Amino acid sequence: MVSHNIIYREDEALEILKEISIHMFQNKDGSINQQVLGMYVNDLDGDRVLQREGKLLICRTIEEAQTL
């Protein structure tokens, strides 16, 4: 499988699984509903969330290949 939705952050390569508007997870006071976001990330099999330009990027860490 070839994916072009890869970003690099510090020493990690991350596959972007989904990009969604931040307002979808905001409470009335503007804070992020961490519990709902966490369930959403878990459903997508993600392990990282990044914020960029009013969007949340749901990502999965790309593991480095292990040599035998």
PDB file of N, CA and C in Angstrom:
ATOM      1  N   MET A   1       0.840  -1.182   0.000  1.00  0.00           N
ATOM      2  CA  MET A   1       0.000   0.000   0.000  1.00  0.00           C
ATOM      3  C   MET A   1       0.888   1.249   0.000  1.00  0.00           C
ATOM      4  N   VAL A   2       0.663   2.144  -0.917  1.00  0.00           N
ATOM      5  CA  VAL A   2       1.429   3.382  -1.007  1.00  0.00           C
ATOM      6  C   VAL A   2       0.546   4.519  -0.500  1.00  0.00           C
ATOM      7  N   SER A   3       1.070   5.293   0.420  1.00  0.00           N
ATOM      8  CA  SER A   3       0.319   6.420   0.961  1.00  0.00           C
ATOM      9  C   SER A   3       1.128   7.691   0.778  1.00  0.00           C
ATOM     10  N   HIS A   4       0.477   8.724   0.317  1.00  0.00           N
ATOM     11  CA  HIS A   4       1.150  10.006   0.147  1.00  0.00           C
ATOM     12  C   HIS A   4       0.787  10.971   1.266  1.00  0.00           C
ATOM     13  N   ASN A   5       0.034  10.490   2.253  1.00  0.00           N
ATOM     14  CA  ASN A   5      -0.380  11.321   3.370  1.00  0.00           C
ATOM     15  C   ASN A   5       0.549  11.095   4.550  1.00  0.00           C
ATOM     16  N   ILE A   6       1.823  11.404   4.356  1.00  0.00           N
ATOM     17  CA  ILE A   6       2.814  11.202   5.401  1.00  0.00           C
ATOM     18  C   ILE A   6       3.435  12.545   5.748  1.00  0.00           C
ATOM     19  N   ILE A   7       3.549  12.793   7.042  1.00  0.00           N
ATOM     20  CA  ILE A   7       4.241  13.989   7.515  1.00  0.00           C
ATOM     21  C   ILE A   7       5.309  13.553   8.496  1.00  0.00           C
ATOM     22  N   TYR A   8       6.291  14.406   8.666  1.00  0.00           N
ATOM     23  CA  TYR A   8       7.390  14.110   9.574  1.00  0.00           C
ATOM     24  C   TYR A   8       7.379  15.146  10.684  1.00  0.00           C
ATOM     25  N   ARG A   9       7.436  14.660  11.911  1.00  0.00           N
ATOM     26  CA  ARG A   9       7.428  15.530  13.089  1.00  0.00           C
ATOM     27  C   ARG A   9       8.522  15.042  14.018  1.00  0.00           C
ATOM     28  N   GLU A  10       9.473  15.908  14.264  1.00  0.00           N
ATOM     29  CA  GLU A  10      10.658  15.551  15.051  1.00  0.00           C
ATOM     30  C   GLU A  10      11.291  14.313  14.414  1.00  0.00           C
ATOM     31  N   ASP A  11      11.390  13.216  15.121  1.00  0.00           N
ATOM     32  CA  ASP A  11      12.015  12.012  14.561  1.00  0.00           C
ATOM     33  C   ASP A  11      10.978  10.957  14.163  1.00  0.00           C
ATOM     34  N   GLU A  12       9.726  11.367  13.980  1.00  0.00           N
ATOM     35  CA  GLU A  12       8.665  10.414  13.677  1.00  0.00           C
ATOM     36  C   GLU A  12       8.085  10.643  12.283  1.00  0.00           C
ATOM     37  N   ALA A  13       7.743   9.546  11.638  1.00  0.00           N
ATOM     38  CA  ALA A  13       6.971   9.606  10.398  1.00  0.00           C
ATOM     39  C   ALA A  13       5.542   9.243  10.768  1.00  0.00           C
ATOM     40  N   LEU A  14       4.597  10.075  10.350  1.00  0.00           N
ATOM     41  CA  LEU A  14       3.187   9.862  10.689  1.00  0.00           C
ATOM     42  C   LEU A  14       2.347   9.783   9.434  1.00  0.00           C
ATOM     43  N   GLU A  15       1.472   8.793   9.392  1.00  0.00           N
ATOM     44  CA  GLU A  15       0.510   8.675   8.300  1.00  0.00           C
ATOM     45  C   GLU A  15      -0.752   9.417   8.714  1.00  0.00           C
ATOM     46  N   ILE A  16      -1.215  10.346   7.889  1.00  0.00           N
ATOM     47  CA  ILE A  16      -2.451  11.066   8.186  1.00  0.00           C
ATOM     48  C   ILE A  16      -3.625  10.179   7.776  1.00  0.00           C
ATOM     49  N   LEU A  17      -4.424   9.788   8.756  1.00  0.00           N
ATOM     50  CA  LEU A  17      -5.577   8.933   8.507  1.00  0.00           C
ATOM     51  C   LEU A  17      -6.813   9.747   8.149  1.00  0.00           C
ATOM     52  N   LYS A  18      -6.946  10.919   8.785  1.00  0.00           N
ATOM     53  CA  LYS A  18      -8.137  11.737   8.589  1.00  0.00           C
ATOM     54  C   LYS A  18      -7.817  13.169   8.965  1.00  0.00           C
ATOM     55  N   GLU A  19      -8.380  14.101   8.236  1.00  0.00           N
ATOM     56  CA  GLU A  19      -8.268  15.531   8.545  1.00  0.00           C
ATOM     57  C   GLU A  19      -9.688  16.014   8.783  1.00  0.00           C
ATOM     58  N   ILE A  20      -9.928  16.625   9.932  1.00  0.00           N
ATOM     59  CA  ILE A  20     -11.287  17.034  10.296  1.00  0.00           C
ATOM     60  C   ILE A  20     -11.249  18.392  10.987  1.00  0.00           C
ATOM     61  N   SER A  21     -12.281  19.169  10.776  1.00  0.00           N
ATOM     62  CA  SER A  21     -12.352  20.504  11.371  1.00  0.00           C
ATOM     63  C   SER A  21     -12.373  20.410  12.896  1.00  0.00           C
ATOM     64  N   ILE A  22     -11.624  21.293  13.525  1.00  0.00           N
ATOM     65  CA  ILE A  22     -11.510  21.276  14.984  1.00  0.00           C
ATOM     66  C   ILE A  22     -12.857  21.527  15.667  1.00  0.00           C
ATOM     67  N   HIS A  23     -13.743  22.276  15.025  1.00  0.00           N
ATOM     68  CA  HIS A  23     -15.022  22.606  15.669  1.00  0.00           C
ATOM     69  C   HIS A  23     -15.893  21.371  15.906  1.00  0.00           C
ATOM     70  N   MET A  24     -15.602  20.273  15.219  1.00  0.00           N
ATOM     71  CA  MET A  24     -16.370  19.033  15.410  1.00  0.00           C
ATOM     72  C   MET A  24     -16.179  18.453  16.810  1.00  0.00           C
ATOM     73  N   PHE A  25     -15.107  18.841  17.504  1.00  0.00           N
ATOM     74  CA  PHE A  25     -14.807  18.286  18.826  1.00  0.00           C
ATOM     75  C   PHE A  25     -14.772  19.350  19.922  1.00  0.00           C
ATOM     76  N   GLN A  26     -15.255  20.562  19.603  1.00  0.00           N
ATOM     77  CA  GLN A  26     -15.207  21.636  20.591  1.00  0.00           C
ATOM     78  C   GLN A  26     -16.442  21.617  21.487  1.00  0.00           C
ATOM     79  N   ASN A  27     -16.185  21.883  22.763  1.00  0.00           N
ATOM     80  CA  ASN A  27     -17.262  22.096  23.720  1.00  0.00           C
ATOM     81  C   ASN A  27     -17.794  23.514  23.537  1.00  0.00           C
ATOM     82  N   LYS A  28     -18.869  23.826  24.224  1.00  0.00           N
ATOM     83  CA  LYS A  28     -19.453  25.168  24.114  1.00  0.00           C
ATOM     84  C   LYS A  28     -18.482  26.264  24.529  1.00  0.00           C
ATOM     85  N   ASP A  29     -17.567  25.945  25.446  1.00  0.00           N
ATOM     86  CA  ASP A  29     -16.599  26.954  25.900  1.00  0.00           C
ATOM     87  C   ASP A  29     -15.365  27.043  24.991  1.00  0.00           C
ATOM     88  N   GLY A  30     -15.347  26.269  23.900  1.00  0.00           N
ATOM     89  CA  GLY A  30     -14.252  26.324  22.946  1.00  0.00           C
ATOM     90  C   GLY A  30     -13.140  25.315  23.186  1.00  0.00           C
ATOM     91  N   SER A  31     -13.181  24.651  24.340  1.00  0.00           N
ATOM     92  CA  SER A  31     -12.161  23.630  24.617  1.00  0.00           C
ATOM     93  C   SER A  31     -12.459  22.362  23.815  1.00  0.00           C
ATOM     94  N   ILE A  32     -11.443  21.519  23.680  1.00  0.00           N
ATOM     95  CA  ILE A  32     -11.585  20.268  22.936  1.00  0.00           C
ATOM     96  C   ILE A  32     -12.138  19.199  23.877  1.00  0.00           C
ATOM     97  N   ASN A  33     -13.146  18.474  23.417  1.00  0.00           N
ATOM     98  CA  ASN A  33     -13.684  17.355  24.189  1.00  0.00           C
ATOM     99  C   ASN A  33     -12.737  16.171  23.991  1.00  0.00           C
ATOM    100  N   GLN A  34     -11.821  16.005  24.936  1.00  0.00           N
ATOM    101  CA  GLN A  34     -10.776  14.999  24.833  1.00  0.00           C
ATOM    102  C   GLN A  34     -11.324  13.573  24.793  1.00  0.00           C
ATOM    103  N   GLN A  35     -12.399  13.322  25.532  1.00  0.00           N
ATOM    104  CA  GLN A  35     -12.960  11.972  25.584  1.00  0.00           C
ATOM    105  C   GLN A  35     -13.534  11.567  24.224  1.00  0.00           C
ATOM    106  N   VAL A  36     -14.307  12.445  23.613  1.00  0.00           N
ATOM    107  CA  VAL A  36     -14.900  12.143  22.311  1.00  0.00           C
ATOM    108  C   VAL A  36     -13.810  12.038  21.248  1.00  0.00           C
ATOM    109  N   LEU A  37     -12.846  12.948  21.279  1.00  0.00           N
ATOM    110  CA  LEU A  37     -11.742  12.900  20.334  1.00  0.00           C
ATOM    111  C   LEU A  37     -10.965  11.595  20.484  1.00  0.00           C
ATOM    112  N   GLY A  38     -10.713  11.195  21.706  1.00  0.00           N
ATOM    113  CA  GLY A  38      -9.989   9.951  21.965  1.00  0.00           C
ATOM    114  C   GLY A  38     -10.709   8.735  21.396  1.00  0.00           C
ATOM    115  N   MET A  39     -12.029   8.689  21.541  1.00  0.00           N
ATOM    116  CA  MET A  39     -12.798   7.572  20.983  1.00  0.00           C
ATOM    117  C   MET A  39     -12.722   7.567  19.461  1.00  0.00           C
ATOM    118  N   TYR A  40     -12.780   8.748  18.867  1.00  0.00           N
ATOM    119  CA  TYR A  40     -12.701   8.871  17.407  1.00  0.00           C
ATOM    120  C   TYR A  40     -11.341   8.400  16.891  1.00  0.00           C
ATOM    121  N   VAL A  41     -10.275   8.834  17.562  1.00  0.00           N
ATOM    122  CA  VAL A  41      -8.920   8.431  17.188  1.00  0.00           C
ATOM    123  C   VAL A  41      -8.779   6.906  17.319  1.00  0.00           C
ATOM    124  N   ASN A  42      -9.306   6.351  18.393  1.00  0.00           N
ATOM    125  CA  ASN A  42      -9.246   4.911  18.609  1.00  0.00           C
ATOM    126  C   ASN A  42      -9.995   4.158  17.509  1.00  0.00           C
ATOM    127  N   ASP A  43     -11.150   4.648  17.121  1.00  0.00           N
ATOM    128  CA  ASP A  43     -11.933   4.002  16.050  1.00  0.00           C
ATOM    129  C   ASP A  43     -11.168   3.987  14.729  1.00  0.00           C
ATOM    130  N   LEU A  44     -10.352   5.009  14.477  1.00  0.00           N
ATOM    131  CA  LEU A  44      -9.571   5.082  13.242  1.00  0.00           C
ATOM    132  C   LEU A  44      -8.231   4.349  13.354  1.00  0.00           C
ATOM    133  N   ASP A  45      -7.957   3.774  14.533  1.00  0.00           N
ATOM    134  CA  ASP A  45      -6.699   3.080  14.804  1.00  0.00           C
ATOM    135  C   ASP A  45      -5.518   4.045  14.740  1.00  0.00           C
ATOM    136  N   GLY A  46      -5.736   5.268  15.188  1.00  0.00           N
ATOM    137  CA  GLY A  46      -4.675   6.268  15.229  1.00  0.00           C
ATOM    138  C   GLY A  46      -4.011   6.301  16.584  1.00  0.00           C
ATOM    139  N   ASP A  47      -2.884   7.017  16.670  1.00  0.00           N
ATOM    140  CA  ASP A  47      -2.202   7.160  17.957  1.00  0.00           C
ATOM    141  C   ASP A  47      -1.645   8.567  18.196  1.00  0.00           C
ATOM    142  N   ARG A  48      -1.891   9.485  17.267  1.00  0.00           N
ATOM    143  CA  ARG A  48      -1.432  10.871  17.413  1.00  0.00           C
ATOM    144  C   ARG A  48      -2.480  11.811  16.825  1.00  0.00           C
ATOM    145  N   VAL A  49      -2.582  12.994  17.420  1.00  0.00           N
ATOM    146  CA  VAL A  49      -3.439  14.047  16.873  1.00  0.00           C
ATOM    147  C   VAL A  49      -2.603  15.313  16.798  1.00  0.00           C
ATOM    148  N   LEU A  50      -2.569  15.914  15.629  1.00  0.00           N
ATOM    149  CA  LEU A  50      -1.877  17.183  15.432  1.00  0.00           C
ATOM    150  C   LEU A  50      -2.900  18.231  15.035  1.00  0.00           C
ATOM    151  N   GLN A  51      -2.617  19.475  15.366  1.00  0.00           N
ATOM    152  CA  GLN A  51      -3.503  20.569  14.994  1.00  0.00           C
ATOM    153  C   GLN A  51      -2.786  21.444  13.984  1.00  0.00           C
ATOM    154  N   ARG A  52      -3.499  21.759  12.882  1.00  0.00           N
ATOM    155  CA  ARG A  52      -2.901  22.605  11.843  1.00  0.00           C
ATOM    156  C   ARG A  52      -4.009  23.375  11.142  1.00  0.00           C
ATOM    157  N   GLU A  53      -3.902  24.697  11.151  1.00  0.00           N
ATOM    158  CA  GLU A  53      -4.807  25.585  10.417  1.00  0.00           C
ATOM    159  C   GLU A  53      -6.282  25.296  10.684  1.00  0.00           C
ATOM    160  N   GLY A  54      -6.654  25.164  11.949  1.00  0.00           N
ATOM    161  CA  GLY A  54      -8.047  24.936  12.316  1.00  0.00           C
ATOM    162  C   GLY A  54      -8.537  23.522  12.074  1.00  0.00           C
ATOM    163  N   LYS A  55      -7.617  22.627  11.775  1.00  0.00           N
ATOM    164  CA  LYS A  55      -7.955  21.226  11.519  1.00  0.00           C
ATOM    165  C   LYS A  55      -7.225  20.340  12.514  1.00  0.00           C
ATOM    166  N   LEU A  56      -7.819  19.179  12.769  1.00  0.00           N
ATOM    167  CA  LEU A  56      -7.158  18.143  13.536  1.00  0.00           C
ATOM    168  C   LEU A  56      -6.725  17.067  12.561  1.00  0.00           C
ATOM    169  N   LEU A  57      -5.479  16.662  12.660  1.00  0.00           N
ATOM    170  CA  LEU A  57      -4.961  15.589  11.827  1.00  0.00           C
ATOM    171  C   LEU A  57      -4.856  14.343  12.685  1.00  0.00           C
ATOM    172  N   ILE A  58      -5.666  13.348  12.362  1.00  0.00           N
ATOM    173  CA  ILE A  58      -5.635  12.084  13.079  1.00  0.00           C
ATOM    174  C   ILE A  58      -4.577  11.226  12.387  1.00  0.00           C
ATOM    175  N   CYS A  59      -3.559  10.807  13.129  1.00  0.00           N
ATOM    176  CA  CYS A  59      -2.398  10.145  12.538  1.00  0.00           C
ATOM    177  C   CYS A  59      -2.083   8.822  13.218  1.00  0.00           C
ATOM    178  N   ARG A  60      -1.300   8.029  12.502  1.00  0.00           N
ATOM    179  CA  ARG A  60      -0.754   6.774  13.033  1.00  0.00           C
ATOM    180  C   ARG A  60       0.755   6.817  12.819  1.00  0.00           C
ATOM    181  N   THR A  61       1.497   6.466  13.862  1.00  0.00           N
ATOM    182  CA  THR A  61       2.944   6.422  13.762  1.00  0.00           C
ATOM    183  C   THR A  61       3.364   5.294  12.829  1.00  0.00           C
ATOM    184  N   ILE A  62       4.288   5.602  11.928  1.00  0.00           N
ATOM    185  CA  ILE A  62       4.831   4.595  11.029  1.00  0.00           C
ATOM    186  C   ILE A  62       6.064   4.008  11.725  1.00  0.00           C
ATOM    187  N   GLU A  63       5.983   2.732  12.009  1.00  0.00           N
ATOM    188  CA  GLU A  63       7.073   2.057  12.701  1.00  0.00           C
ATOM    189  C   GLU A  63       8.253   1.856  11.746  1.00  0.00           C
ATOM    190  N   GLU A  64       9.442   1.979  12.288  1.00  0.00           N
ATOM    191  CA  GLU A  64      10.641   1.743  11.488  1.00  0.00           C
ATOM    192  C   GLU A  64      10.775   0.252  11.222  1.00  0.00           C
ATOM    193  N   ALA A  65      11.293  -0.081  10.062  1.00  0.00           N
ATOM    194  CA  ALA A  65      11.519  -1.482   9.722  1.00  0.00           C
ATOM    195  C   ALA A  65      12.606  -2.050  10.618  1.00  0.00           C
ATOM    196  N   GLN A  66      12.399  -3.259  11.070  1.00  0.00           N
ATOM    197  CA  GLN A  66      13.382  -3.945  11.893  1.00  0.00           C
ATOM    198  C   GLN A  66      14.172  -4.926  11.041  1.00  0.00           C
ATOM    199  N   THR A  67      15.477  -4.920  11.210  1.00  0.00           N
ATOM    200  CA  THR A  67      16.293  -5.882  10.477  1.00  0.00           C
ATOM    201  C   THR A  67      16.461  -7.136  11.314  1.00  0.00           C
ATOM    202  N   LEU A  68      16.533  -8.251  10.656  1.00  0.00           N
ATOM    203  CA  LEU A  68      16.663  -9.533  11.362  1.00  0.00           C
ATOM    204  C   LEU A  68      18.104  -9.920  11.539  1.00  0.00           C
TER     205      LEU A  68
END
